[in-house]
């Protein structure tokens, strides 16, 4: 068993993915018809601010430098990579002069808390229900759950969020509509703040969990339905092994392997859904920050969040790939 032969190629692939991702992040804003410098100047002029020609030219030169648009494309790309290596993403133009890294650092815990918690809850619930339903697929309750999951899964995240708001904010006012915690509270580890934090996060998390459970349920049910017809399951049943042991020790255990891989692949889609959900609920995470960046033409902040997304998804895929041999004995570090 050569662990290095297994790990090194995957580390190389990880860095290649990140390199391609950050390169695309550099290229895309530069091929769009939008000029971020002119957009900022036009927005300032719309506010009725008078500036003479020399002041406008001075501002234009300053903005070109802040956006890293001076020099040739090759020079811009070189400075872009050097700034990334040093951890400098430049200042945010919509929240000037706050650095982009500081904005992402402040918003990141909110997004990670919402995303990771919702994703893991939906993954566990969906796989357990899907495994049980697939094994007992002839039962009426299994068919009823499948019908519900089939109905819920195609619903977009933002539509589910709107449904949650209508039900639990307007019709049954149990939860707040927006924010991360109640106004007037200071972030701390007190019970009051934690209770307010959970109350504000409940609806955004519920919308993500509901959609996620539908997907994991349907995929796990299909896998477990196939696994239960395998010879080793049939032999276990003929041997008189209790059905609950067959369900969890044979069917679900062997059906979980593709689900572990899908867990990393789904992070990208769930991450995007979490950003939309955060904006819908005015949750103080990266989604809200990204909306502000887009509406204000803040290319530095948009690129910073995009780079973080690429790194987060690539890192999740790498971690799952490295631990996969521990889950599937058929895969070896070789």
Foldseek 3Di string as FASTA:
>chain_A
DDLCLQQVVLVVVLVVLLVVLLVCLLVVVVPDPDDLLVLLVVVVVVVVDDDDPVVSVVSSVVVCVQCLNPDDSVNSVVVCVVCVVVVFLGAWPLPPPHGLSVLQVVFVVLLCVLLVVLLVLLLVLLLVLLLVLLLVVVDPVSVVVLVVLVVQQVDALVVLLVVLCCVDCPVNPDADQAEQFDPPDDDDPDPRGVVRNCRLSVSLSVSLSRNSSSVSNVLNSVQLNVQCPDPVNVVCVVVVPDPVCSSPVGRSLVSCLVVLLVSLVCSLVSSVSSLSSCCRSVYSHVSVVCVSCVVSVRSSNVSVVSSVSSSVSSVSNSVSSSCSCVSPVVDDSD
